[in-house]
């Protein structure tokens, strides 16, 4: 059956002019209220909001952009859209964006510098009003494309070399140090680490915390116990298999993200190793996957959703006040001790702390 509805009988969209007439203000005033401007008399702004509600007015974002007003789009560029950490972070960004009348454009670099550059070029060409970026590496020259268009940027999770860019972070040096110290206090000495690529500041930060904990406990750093690779399951699995070949044997493994943790658990399960009876495991970020015979994993948990919300709010502040001083915001992590790192049955004598 064909649809023979007469489109001419459908209600027409409410225009901004109708809102302005009902509120007895200018079209420019309605536009400023819709765009979240603070430069509107509170009583006039309230009349505009009442008129919008009464008429059920829906701003035409595309028309706003074409008319030359500030873009209604915000960009979000992440490095791994499959990772639940970034999915939770995106939810926080999206909530703030939607509440403030913006649409979110989501891009996934997959840790590929070329893809990352292409996406930044697209965000600059659109152009978006602002961008939140998880950088694949510290020196991200492509940010100059956004800066040239006066598009503000907030980085999350990782730093960039440009110290004029706002950042929302967690102190993962301290978090990794606390996690490794926990293992040492529970009697583990041969502690392996599987961390991310050298280009990612999070990977280097977590390795630094690992080394600091060993040093304070008087335990010598052994390069054979350090494994690096992409933040993917395969890298965790391969790193764990290499650590299992170490002599003396490894007693515990700390991983720098949840996908690496999953790979480690797969490797241990395949080789018949029990967690923590044979090898203890501590990871970063929660996992939502079911693993056969999985012990509950001791985890450094970062507030992914709140990281996203905080970054979006900071970006909106930057849009309204471009000359604000640069800010580096640190959010608090939580360290959840679970069954995968319980004290060893045989505890080695504790070395003197330095």
Protein backbone atom coordinates (compact mmCIF):
# COMPACT_ATOMS: atom_id res chain seq x y z
CA UNK A 1 0.00 0.00 0.00
CA UNK A 2 1.25 3.45 -0.91
CA UNK A 3 1.36 6.33 1.56
CA UNK A 4 -0.95 9.01 0.16
CA UNK A 5 -0.77 11.36 3.16
CA UNK A 6 -0.94 15.00 2.12
CA UNK A 7 2.27 16.52 3.47
CA UNK A 8 0.71 19.96 3.24
CA UNK A 9 -1.59 18.99 6.12
CA UNK A 10 1.32 18.18 8.43
CA UNK A 11 2.13 20.84 11.07
CA UNK A 12 4.96 23.11 10.03
CA UNK A 13 8.02 23.47 12.30
CA UNK A 14 7.98 26.40 14.69
CA UNK A 15 10.37 29.13 13.57
CA UNK A 16 12.73 31.22 15.65
CA UNK A 17 10.74 34.28 14.56
CA UNK A 18 7.59 32.87 16.19
CA UNK A 19 9.51 32.31 19.44
CA UNK A 20 10.82 35.87 19.34
CA UNK A 21 7.31 37.28 18.75
CA UNK A 22 5.79 35.28 21.61
CA UNK A 23 8.58 36.28 24.01
CA UNK A 24 8.52 39.89 22.75
CA UNK A 25 12.27 39.90 22.10
CA UNK A 26 14.49 40.06 19.06
CA UNK A 27 15.50 37.03 16.99
CA UNK A 28 19.11 37.67 18.06
CA UNK A 29 18.11 37.36 21.71
CA UNK A 30 16.42 33.99 21.06
CA UNK A 31 19.56 32.83 19.23
CA UNK A 32 21.77 33.81 22.16
CA UNK A 33 19.57 31.92 24.62
CA UNK A 34 19.49 28.82 22.39
CA UNK A 35 23.29 28.93 22.09
CA UNK A 36 23.78 29.20 25.85
CA UNK A 37 25.13 32.75 25.89
CA UNK A 38 25.41 34.38 29.32
CA UNK A 39 24.94 37.88 27.81
CA UNK A 40 21.14 37.91 28.10
CA UNK A 41 19.04 39.62 30.75
CA UNK A 42 17.77 36.82 33.06
CA UNK A 43 14.13 37.95 32.78
CA UNK A 44 14.31 38.07 28.98
CA UNK A 45 16.02 34.67 28.92
CA UNK A 46 13.24 33.22 31.06
CA UNK A 47 10.60 34.59 28.67
CA UNK A 48 12.44 33.01 25.76
CA UNK A 49 12.67 29.64 27.50
CA UNK A 50 8.96 29.80 28.34
CA UNK A 51 8.12 30.57 24.70
CA UNK A 52 10.32 27.70 23.50
CA UNK A 53 8.53 25.31 25.85
CA UNK A 54 5.08 26.63 24.93
CA UNK A 55 5.68 26.31 21.18
CA UNK A 56 7.79 23.14 21.44
CA UNK A 57 10.46 24.87 19.38
CA UNK A 58 13.31 22.67 18.13
CA UNK A 59 16.41 24.61 16.99
CA UNK A 60 17.57 23.75 13.49
CA UNK A 61 21.21 23.01 14.18
CA UNK A 62 22.15 22.70 10.52
CA UNK A 63 20.57 26.09 9.78
CA UNK A 64 22.45 27.63 12.69
CA UNK A 65 25.74 26.37 11.28
CA UNK A 66 24.95 27.52 7.74
CA UNK A 67 23.88 30.92 9.02
CA UNK A 68 27.37 31.47 10.34
CA UNK A 69 26.64 31.04 14.04
CA UNK A 70 28.85 28.84 16.20
CA UNK A 71 28.86 25.21 15.09
CA UNK A 72 26.43 22.90 16.86
CA UNK A 73 28.93 20.03 16.65
CA UNK A 74 31.53 18.82 19.11
CA UNK A 75 34.19 16.29 18.09
CA UNK A 76 35.30 13.32 20.17
CA UNK A 77 38.33 11.35 18.99
CA UNK A 78 39.21 8.18 20.92
CA UNK A 79 41.88 5.54 20.37
CA UNK A 80 39.81 2.38 20.91
CA UNK A 81 36.05 2.56 20.53
CA UNK A 82 35.74 -1.13 21.49
CA UNK A 83 37.16 -0.57 24.96
CA UNK A 84 34.43 -0.26 27.63
CA UNK A 85 36.51 2.45 29.32
CA UNK A 86 36.10 4.73 26.31
CA UNK A 87 32.48 3.74 25.84
CA UNK A 88 31.75 4.92 29.40
CA UNK A 89 33.76 8.08 28.80
CA UNK A 90 31.79 8.79 25.61
CA UNK A 91 28.54 8.52 27.59
CA UNK A 92 29.73 11.28 29.91
CA UNK A 93 30.72 13.53 27.01
CA UNK A 94 27.45 12.85 25.18
CA UNK A 95 25.32 13.69 28.22
CA UNK A 96 26.88 17.12 28.69
CA UNK A 97 26.85 17.81 24.93
CA UNK A 98 23.16 16.97 24.59
CA UNK A 99 22.19 19.01 27.65
CA UNK A 100 23.87 22.05 26.12
CA UNK A 101 22.43 21.74 22.62
CA UNK A 102 25.38 20.14 20.83
CA UNK A 103 25.60 17.07 18.67
CA UNK A 104 28.59 14.76 19.11
CA UNK A 105 30.74 13.52 16.23
CA UNK A 106 32.64 10.39 17.36
CA UNK A 107 35.86 9.27 15.65
CA UNK A 108 38.06 6.24 16.36
CA UNK A 109 41.77 6.39 15.54
CA UNK A 110 42.45 2.77 16.60
CA UNK A 111 45.88 4.02 17.80
CA UNK A 112 46.76 4.70 14.13
CA UNK A 113 48.60 8.06 13.77
CA UNK A 114 47.54 8.40 10.12
CA UNK A 115 43.86 7.85 10.88
CA UNK A 116 44.18 10.23 13.82
CA UNK A 117 45.58 12.96 11.57
CA UNK A 118 42.83 12.42 8.99
CA UNK A 119 40.11 12.70 11.61
CA UNK A 120 41.61 15.88 13.05
CA UNK A 121 41.71 17.33 9.54
CA UNK A 122 37.99 16.51 9.15
CA UNK A 123 37.11 18.06 12.51
CA UNK A 124 39.04 21.20 11.54
CA UNK A 125 37.41 21.40 8.12
CA UNK A 126 33.83 20.89 9.39
CA UNK A 127 34.55 22.91 11.58
CA UNK A 128 33.41 21.69 14.98
CA UNK A 129 32.91 24.12 17.86
CA UNK A 130 35.44 22.20 19.96
CA UNK A 131 37.11 18.82 20.28
CA UNK A 132 37.89 16.28 23.00
CA UNK A 133 40.79 14.05 22.02
CA UNK A 134 42.48 10.95 23.39
CA UNK A 135 45.88 11.40 21.71
CA UNK A 136 47.71 8.37 20.37
CA UNK A 137 51.06 9.96 21.20
CA UNK A 138 52.45 12.87 23.15
CA UNK A 139 53.69 14.93 20.20
CA UNK A 140 50.53 15.48 18.16
CA UNK A 141 51.41 18.06 15.51
CA UNK A 142 47.98 17.82 13.88
CA UNK A 143 46.50 19.79 16.79
CA UNK A 144 47.88 22.89 15.08
CA UNK A 145 45.12 22.47 12.47
CA UNK A 146 42.48 22.95 15.16
CA UNK A 147 44.36 25.79 16.84
CA UNK A 148 44.65 27.61 13.51
CA UNK A 149 40.83 27.58 13.26
CA UNK A 150 40.52 28.72 16.90
CA UNK A 151 38.84 25.43 17.80
CA UNK A 152 39.45 24.69 21.50
CA UNK A 153 40.73 21.23 22.48
CA UNK A 154 40.67 19.23 25.70
CA UNK A 155 42.73 16.04 25.88
CA UNK A 156 41.66 13.17 28.10
CA UNK A 157 43.42 10.15 29.58
CA UNK A 158 46.77 11.13 28.02
CA UNK A 159 48.89 14.24 27.75
CA UNK A 160 50.21 16.01 24.68
CA UNK A 161 53.48 17.90 24.35
CA UNK A 162 51.62 21.20 23.85
CA UNK A 163 51.19 22.47 27.39
CA UNK A 164 48.69 25.13 26.30
CA UNK A 165 46.02 22.42 25.88
CA UNK A 166 43.62 21.60 28.72
CA UNK A 167 43.74 18.01 29.98
CA UNK A 168 41.59 15.74 32.16
CA UNK A 169 43.67 12.96 33.67
CA UNK A 170 44.13 10.43 36.44
CA UNK A 171 47.45 10.17 38.31
CA UNK A 172 48.30 6.75 36.96
CA UNK A 173 51.92 6.95 38.12
CA UNK A 174 50.64 6.98 41.67
CA UNK A 175 47.97 4.37 40.87
CA UNK A 176 50.49 1.91 39.39
CA UNK A 177 52.84 2.47 42.30
CA UNK A 178 50.04 1.70 44.77
CA UNK A 179 49.09 -1.46 42.86
CA UNK A 180 52.66 -2.80 42.75
CA UNK A 181 53.25 -1.89 46.40
CA UNK A 182 50.14 -3.91 47.24
CA UNK A 183 51.63 -6.94 45.48
CA UNK A 184 54.96 -6.49 47.26
CA UNK A 185 53.24 -6.20 50.64
CA UNK A 186 51.43 -9.45 49.86
CA UNK A 187 54.72 -11.27 49.38
CA UNK A 188 55.31 -11.03 45.61
CA UNK A 189 58.81 -10.15 44.38
CA UNK A 190 59.05 -11.31 40.76
CA UNK A 191 56.44 -8.93 39.34
CA UNK A 192 56.06 -8.60 35.58
CA UNK A 193 54.43 -5.64 33.87
CA UNK A 194 52.69 -5.55 30.50
CA UNK A 195 52.20 -1.97 29.40
CA UNK A 196 51.18 -0.13 26.25
CA UNK A 197 53.09 1.43 23.34
CA UNK A 198 55.92 3.87 24.00
CA UNK A 199 53.99 6.62 22.22
CA UNK A 200 51.20 6.58 24.85
CA UNK A 201 51.88 8.64 27.96
CA UNK A 202 49.68 6.32 30.04
CA UNK A 203 51.97 3.39 29.22
CA UNK A 204 55.08 5.25 30.32
CA UNK A 205 53.38 6.67 33.42
CA UNK A 206 52.30 3.22 34.62
CA UNK A 207 55.75 1.82 34.00
CA UNK A 208 57.22 4.68 36.03
CA UNK A 209 54.90 3.90 38.96
CA UNK A 210 55.92 0.24 38.73
CA UNK A 211 59.61 1.16 38.88
CA UNK A 212 59.10 3.56 41.79
CA UNK A 213 57.38 0.85 43.84
CA UNK A 214 60.19 -1.63 43.17
CA UNK A 215 62.84 0.93 44.06
CA UNK A 216 61.19 1.88 47.35
CA UNK A 217 60.96 -1.81 48.27
CA UNK A 218 64.62 -2.42 47.45
CA UNK A 219 63.79 -4.76 44.56
CA UNK A 220 66.05 -4.53 41.52
CA UNK A 221 64.40 -3.74 38.19
CA UNK A 222 64.67 -6.65 35.75
CA UNK A 223 64.16 -5.66 32.07
CA UNK A 224 63.01 -9.21 31.30
CA UNK A 225 59.91 -8.53 33.40
CA UNK A 226 58.84 -5.53 31.26
CA UNK A 227 56.68 -6.23 28.22
CA UNK A 228 55.17 -3.65 25.83
CA UNK A 229 52.67 -3.77 23.02
CA UNK A 230 49.43 -2.30 21.70
CA UNK A 231 46.56 -1.96 24.15
CA UNK A 232 44.97 -5.15 22.76
CA UNK A 233 44.26 -8.69 23.95
CA UNK A 234 46.88 -10.24 21.66
CA UNK A 235 49.63 -8.11 23.21
CA UNK A 236 48.55 -9.17 26.70
CA UNK A 237 48.53 -12.81 25.70
CA UNK A 238 51.93 -12.65 24.01
CA UNK A 239 53.45 -10.67 26.88
CA UNK A 240 52.17 -13.17 29.44
CA UNK A 241 53.58 -16.08 27.45
CA UNK A 242 56.99 -14.42 27.39
CA UNK A 243 56.84 -13.70 31.11
CA UNK A 244 56.01 -17.33 31.82
CA UNK A 245 59.37 -18.29 30.28
CA UNK A 246 61.34 -16.19 32.78
CA UNK A 247 63.78 -17.86 35.14
CA UNK A 248 63.35 -17.36 38.08
CA UNK A 249 59.61 -17.60 37.37
CA UNK A 250 57.30 -14.63 37.50
CA UNK A 251 55.04 -14.49 40.56
CA UNK A 252 52.64 -11.71 39.61
CA UNK A 253 51.66 -9.63 36.58
CA UNK A 254 50.32 -6.08 36.45
CA UNK A 255 48.72 -4.87 33.23
CA UNK A 256 48.25 -1.30 32.02
CA UNK A 257 44.69 -1.67 30.69
CA UNK A 258 41.70 -4.00 30.66
CA UNK A 259 42.23 -5.47 27.19
CA UNK A 260 45.79 -6.43 28.14
CA UNK A 261 44.39 -8.03 31.30
CA UNK A 262 41.99 -10.10 29.25
CA UNK A 263 44.87 -11.34 27.08
CA UNK A 264 46.90 -12.26 30.16
CA UNK A 265 44.00 -14.26 31.61
CA UNK A 266 43.58 -16.11 28.33
CA UNK A 267 47.27 -17.05 28.31
CA UNK A 268 47.24 -18.20 31.93
CA UNK A 269 44.09 -20.23 31.40
CA UNK A 270 45.54 -21.87 28.26
CA UNK A 271 48.66 -22.90 30.18
CA UNK A 272 46.77 -24.22 33.19
CA UNK A 273 47.93 -21.47 35.55
CA UNK A 274 45.66 -20.61 38.46
CA UNK A 275 45.03 -17.04 39.59
CA UNK A 276 46.36 -16.26 42.16
CA UNK A 277 47.65 -19.66 43.34
CA UNK A 278 50.27 -19.78 40.57
CA UNK A 279 50.38 -16.14 39.45
CA UNK A 280 48.71 -13.05 40.88
CA UNK A 281 47.14 -10.49 38.53
CA UNK A 282 46.39 -6.79 38.95
CA UNK A 283 44.92 -4.69 36.14
CA UNK A 284 43.84 -1.20 35.13
CA UNK A 285 40.16 -0.53 34.36
CA UNK A 286 37.25 -2.85 34.91
CA UNK A 287 36.36 -5.71 32.57
CA UNK A 288 32.87 -6.72 31.54
CA UNK A 289 33.73 -10.01 29.87
CA UNK A 290 33.15 -13.49 31.26
CA UNK A 291 36.29 -15.62 31.59
CA UNK A 292 36.20 -19.36 32.40
CA UNK A 293 37.15 -20.06 36.02
CA UNK A 294 38.02 -16.39 36.53
CA UNK A 295 39.03 -15.14 39.95
CA UNK A 296 37.84 -11.62 40.75
CA UNK A 297 40.55 -9.25 39.55
CA UNK A 298 42.24 -6.62 41.71
CA UNK A 299 41.82 -3.45 39.66
CA UNK A 300 42.75 0.22 39.46
CA UNK A 301 39.45 1.77 38.38
CA UNK A 302 39.36 5.14 36.66
CA UNK A 303 36.12 7.20 36.65
CA UNK A 304 35.60 6.98 32.89
CA UNK A 305 32.11 8.49 32.83
CA UNK A 306 33.16 11.39 35.06
CA UNK A 307 36.29 11.94 32.96
CA UNK A 308 34.03 12.41 29.94
CA UNK A 309 31.66 14.76 31.75
CA UNK A 310 34.53 16.83 33.17
CA UNK A 311 36.22 17.15 29.78
CA UNK A 312 32.96 18.25 28.11
CA UNK A 313 32.25 20.82 30.82
CA UNK A 314 35.76 22.20 30.54
CA UNK A 315 35.39 22.44 26.76
CA UNK A 316 32.16 24.42 27.17
CA UNK A 317 33.93 26.74 29.62
CA UNK A 318 36.67 27.24 27.06
CA UNK A 319 34.09 28.03 24.34
CA UNK A 320 32.52 30.72 26.50
CA UNK A 321 35.82 32.11 27.83
CA UNK A 322 38.62 31.45 25.32
CA UNK A 323 41.23 33.31 27.39
CA UNK A 324 40.94 31.11 30.48
CA UNK A 325 44.31 29.89 31.85
CA UNK A 326 45.24 26.37 30.82
CA UNK A 327 44.04 23.73 33.30
CA UNK A 328 45.13 20.18 34.03
CA UNK A 329 42.36 18.45 35.97
CA UNK A 330 43.12 15.27 37.92
CA UNK A 331 40.29 12.96 38.95
CA UNK A 332 40.63 10.33 41.67
CA UNK A 333 41.03 6.65 40.88
CA UNK A 334 39.91 3.78 43.11
CA UNK A 335 41.90 0.66 43.94
CA UNK A 336 39.75 -2.41 44.44
CA UNK A 337 41.55 -5.32 46.11
CA UNK A 338 40.03 -8.65 45.11
CA UNK A 339 40.91 -12.32 45.02
CA UNK A 340 43.49 -12.22 42.22
CA UNK A 341 46.21 -10.72 44.44
CA UNK A 342 45.67 -12.31 47.84
CA UNK A 343 48.82 -12.88 49.97
CA UNK A 344 51.18 -15.61 48.87
CA UNK A 345 51.22 -18.85 50.84
CA UNK A 346 55.01 -18.58 51.10
CA UNK A 347 56.07 -15.03 51.79
CA UNK A 348 59.66 -14.11 51.06
CA UNK A 349 61.55 -12.15 53.72
CA UNK A 350 60.89 -8.44 53.19
CA UNK A 351 63.93 -6.52 51.98
CA UNK A 352 64.87 -3.31 53.74
CA UNK A 353 63.07 -0.35 52.25
CA UNK A 354 65.27 2.38 50.87
